Amino acid sequence: MSGREVGYRVECLYAARRRRSYPGHYCGAVTTFSYPVVPRYAEVDQQGVVFNGHYLTWFDEACTGFLDHLGVTYPGLIATGHDIQVVHSEIDYLAGVRWRDSVRVAVQCERIGSTSFTLGFTVLRRNADTEEQTAIRGQNVYVVVSTDDWAKRSLPEVLREALTSLGRQGHNARD
């Protein structure tokens, strides 16, 4: 286990102590799902980097791809009378992403509660002149709601099982 993985596990332990977690929550991922992104010219601001608001769109697209990969599609959730809503987002900017960079958004489940779950996102970039580097780190907290009255609901079992399935999480969207 690398020092980076050990640091991540320690960070998860601290996070688990700060928040109430449902038994069997998932927090020790060593592998992640990756969703490829092509930065569009229209996403780049006058400073020559992707404008900060676009990262939340990328997180949303990566979340959908991640859940699809796990076998929990958004239309499938809706059909069961459930929806998910983002109730909290955090973004840390470490390096700029530029037009024509090769980009992927790595996604991992960080926490599962009784009505919510947290996904962590890492935007990785590279170009012809650089090796892959972390540009952005962030996380979204999602709450499960009913499509009837939009009130909080417990995580559907199929979603909980998918999020706790370590073996199904470590693949790329291209796989």
Protein backbone atom coordinates (compact mmCIF):
# COMPACT_ATOMS: atom_id res chain seq x y z
CA MET A 1 0.00 0.00 0.00
CA SER A 2 1.46 3.36 -1.01
CA GLY A 3 1.80 6.30 1.34
CA ARG A 4 -0.90 8.06 -0.67
CA GLU A 5 -3.36 5.20 -0.04
CA VAL A 6 -2.51 5.15 3.66
CA GLY A 7 -3.12 8.92 3.83
CA TYR A 8 -6.46 8.48 2.07
CA ARG A 9 -7.53 5.76 4.52
CA VAL A 10 -6.55 7.93 7.50
CA GLU A 11 -8.47 10.86 6.00
CA CYS A 12 -11.51 8.56 5.65
CA LEU A 13 -11.23 7.48 9.28
CA TYR A 14 -11.27 11.11 10.39
CA ALA A 15 -14.21 11.85 8.09
CA ALA A 16 -16.11 8.87 9.49
CA ARG A 17 -15.62 10.15 13.04
CA ARG A 18 -16.98 13.58 12.08
CA ARG A 19 -20.14 12.24 10.40
CA ARG A 20 -22.74 9.65 11.31
CA SER A 21 -22.31 6.71 9.00
CA TYR A 22 -24.60 3.84 8.18
CA PRO A 23 -23.16 0.42 9.05
CA GLY A 24 -21.29 -0.93 6.07
CA HIS A 25 -20.51 2.49 4.63
CA TYR A 26 -17.84 2.51 1.93
CA CYS A 27 -14.80 4.64 2.56
CA GLY A 28 -11.59 2.75 1.84
CA ALA A 29 -11.47 2.75 -1.95
CA VAL A 30 -8.07 2.15 -3.44
CA THR A 31 -9.40 2.10 -6.99
CA THR A 32 -11.69 4.56 -8.71
CA PHE A 33 -13.98 4.87 -11.70
CA SER A 34 -12.79 7.32 -14.38
CA TYR A 35 -14.98 9.37 -16.69
CA PRO A 36 -13.26 11.00 -19.69
CA VAL A 37 -13.95 14.68 -20.36
CA VAL A 38 -13.03 16.79 -23.36
CA PRO A 39 -12.71 20.45 -22.30
CA ARG A 40 -14.73 22.45 -24.78
CA TYR A 41 -13.52 25.79 -26.13
CA ALA A 42 -16.66 27.47 -24.72
CA GLU A 43 -15.72 26.29 -21.19
CA VAL A 44 -12.43 28.22 -21.18
CA ASP A 45 -12.45 31.72 -19.66
CA GLN A 46 -10.28 34.77 -20.43
CA GLN A 47 -7.57 33.44 -18.14
CA GLY A 48 -7.14 30.47 -20.49
CA VAL A 49 -8.43 27.83 -18.06
CA VAL A 50 -11.74 26.05 -17.65
CA PHE A 51 -14.14 28.34 -15.77
CA ASN A 52 -14.74 27.05 -12.23
CA GLY A 53 -18.52 26.49 -12.57
CA HIS A 54 -17.97 23.86 -15.26
CA TYR A 55 -16.35 21.48 -12.79
CA LEU A 56 -19.71 20.93 -11.07
CA THR A 57 -21.16 19.95 -14.46
CA TRP A 58 -18.29 17.52 -14.93
CA PHE A 59 -18.93 16.10 -11.45
CA ASP A 60 -22.59 15.61 -12.33
CA GLU A 61 -21.76 13.86 -15.60
CA ALA A 62 -19.19 11.68 -13.82
CA CYS A 63 -21.74 10.79 -11.10
CA THR A 64 -24.21 9.66 -13.74
CA GLY A 65 -21.53 7.61 -15.50
CA PHE A 66 -20.42 6.10 -12.18
CA LEU A 67 -23.95 5.08 -11.22
CA ASP A 68 -24.59 3.69 -14.73
CA HIS A 69 -21.39 1.68 -14.41
CA LEU A 70 -22.62 0.30 -11.08
CA GLY A 71 -25.91 -0.73 -12.70
CA VAL A 72 -28.02 1.96 -11.03
CA THR A 73 -29.30 4.17 -13.83
CA TYR A 74 -30.95 7.51 -13.24
CA PRO A 75 -34.12 6.46 -15.13
CA GLY A 76 -34.12 3.29 -13.02
CA LEU A 77 -34.03 5.30 -9.79
CA ILE A 78 -36.86 7.53 -11.01
CA ALA A 79 -38.92 4.46 -11.92
CA THR A 80 -38.68 3.28 -8.30
CA GLY A 81 -39.93 6.64 -7.04
CA HIS A 82 -36.49 7.88 -5.94
CA ASP A 83 -34.31 10.77 -7.03
CA ILE A 84 -31.03 12.21 -5.79
CA GLN A 85 -30.25 15.85 -5.08
CA VAL A 86 -26.94 17.54 -4.42
CA VAL A 87 -27.11 19.24 -1.02
CA HIS A 88 -23.43 20.14 -0.58
CA SER A 89 -20.45 20.63 -2.90
CA GLU A 90 -16.80 21.37 -2.22
CA ILE A 91 -14.11 22.12 -4.78
CA ASP A 92 -10.38 22.63 -4.29
CA TYR A 93 -8.46 24.11 -7.23
CA LEU A 94 -4.88 22.86 -7.53
CA ALA A 95 -4.00 23.54 -11.18
CA GLY A 96 -5.73 24.96 -14.23
CA VAL A 97 -7.30 22.76 -16.88
CA ARG A 98 -6.79 24.16 -20.37
CA TRP A 99 -8.44 23.64 -23.72
CA ARG A 100 -7.04 20.57 -25.47
CA ASP A 101 -5.83 18.95 -22.22
CA SER A 102 -6.58 15.27 -21.85
CA VAL A 103 -8.87 15.07 -18.83
CA ARG A 104 -10.55 12.40 -16.76
CA VAL A 105 -12.70 12.68 -13.66
CA ALA A 106 -12.00 9.92 -11.14
CA VAL A 107 -14.98 9.09 -8.91
CA GLN A 108 -15.08 7.16 -5.66
CA CYS A 109 -17.71 6.63 -3.01
CA GLU A 110 -16.49 8.23 0.21
CA ARG A 111 -19.42 7.80 2.58
CA ILE A 112 -22.84 6.22 2.80
CA GLY A 113 -25.40 7.36 5.35
CA SER A 114 -29.01 6.33 5.88
CA THR A 115 -30.46 8.91 3.44
CA SER A 116 -27.33 10.32 1.79
CA PHE A 117 -24.02 9.41 0.21
CA THR A 118 -20.88 11.33 -0.68
CA LEU A 119 -18.91 10.97 -3.90
CA GLY A 120 -15.37 12.27 -4.20
CA PHE A 121 -14.08 13.59 -7.53
CA THR A 122 -10.54 14.12 -8.76
CA VAL A 123 -10.02 15.93 -12.06
CA LEU A 124 -6.78 14.72 -13.62
CA ARG A 125 -5.22 16.52 -16.57
CA ARG A 126 -2.31 16.04 -18.91
CA ASN A 127 -1.11 17.40 -22.23
CA ALA A 128 1.70 16.67 -24.64
CA ASP A 129 4.19 18.48 -22.37
CA THR A 130 3.18 17.16 -18.93
CA GLU A 131 2.49 13.95 -17.11
CA GLU A 132 -0.94 13.46 -15.57
CA GLN A 133 -1.51 15.68 -12.55
CA THR A 134 -4.35 16.39 -10.17
CA ALA A 135 -5.99 19.68 -11.10
CA ILE A 136 -9.18 19.69 -9.05
CA ARG A 137 -10.48 17.78 -6.03
CA GLY A 138 -14.06 17.94 -4.88
CA GLN A 139 -16.99 16.15 -3.41
CA ASN A 140 -20.76 16.19 -3.59
CA VAL A 141 -23.16 15.05 -0.91
CA TYR A 142 -26.32 13.56 -2.41
CA VAL A 143 -29.61 13.03 -0.57
CA VAL A 144 -32.18 10.50 -1.75
CA VAL A 145 -35.69 11.95 -2.07
CA SER A 146 -39.11 10.69 -3.09
CA THR A 147 -40.37 11.75 -6.50
CA ASP A 148 -43.87 12.05 -4.97
CA ASP A 149 -43.27 14.65 -2.26
CA TRP A 150 -39.50 15.39 -2.55
CA ALA A 151 -38.99 14.39 1.09
CA LYS A 152 -35.85 12.53 2.20
CA ARG A 153 -35.95 8.76 1.90
CA SER A 154 -33.63 5.94 2.88
CA LEU A 155 -31.16 4.82 0.23
CA PRO A 156 -32.78 2.15 -1.92
CA GLU A 157 -31.12 -1.20 -1.24
CA VAL A 158 -29.99 -1.53 -4.87
CA LEU A 159 -28.14 1.80 -4.60
CA ARG A 160 -26.60 0.90 -1.23
CA GLU A 161 -25.41 -2.47 -2.57
CA ALA A 162 -23.94 -0.85 -5.69
CA LEU A 163 -22.09 1.81 -3.70
CA THR A 164 -20.62 -0.77 -1.32
CA SER A 165 -19.51 -3.08 -4.13
CA LEU A 166 -15.74 -2.55 -4.12
CA GLY A 167 -15.22 -4.90 -7.03
CA ARG A 168 -17.54 -2.97 -9.34
CA GLN A 169 -16.06 0.48 -8.74
CA GLY A 170 -12.55 0.35 -10.15
CA HIS A 171 -13.07 0.65 -13.91
CA ASN A 172 -13.07 3.33 -16.56
CA ALA A 173 -16.11 4.62 -18.41
CA ARG A 174 -14.50 3.33 -21.60
CA ASP A 175 -14.53 -0.29 -20.31
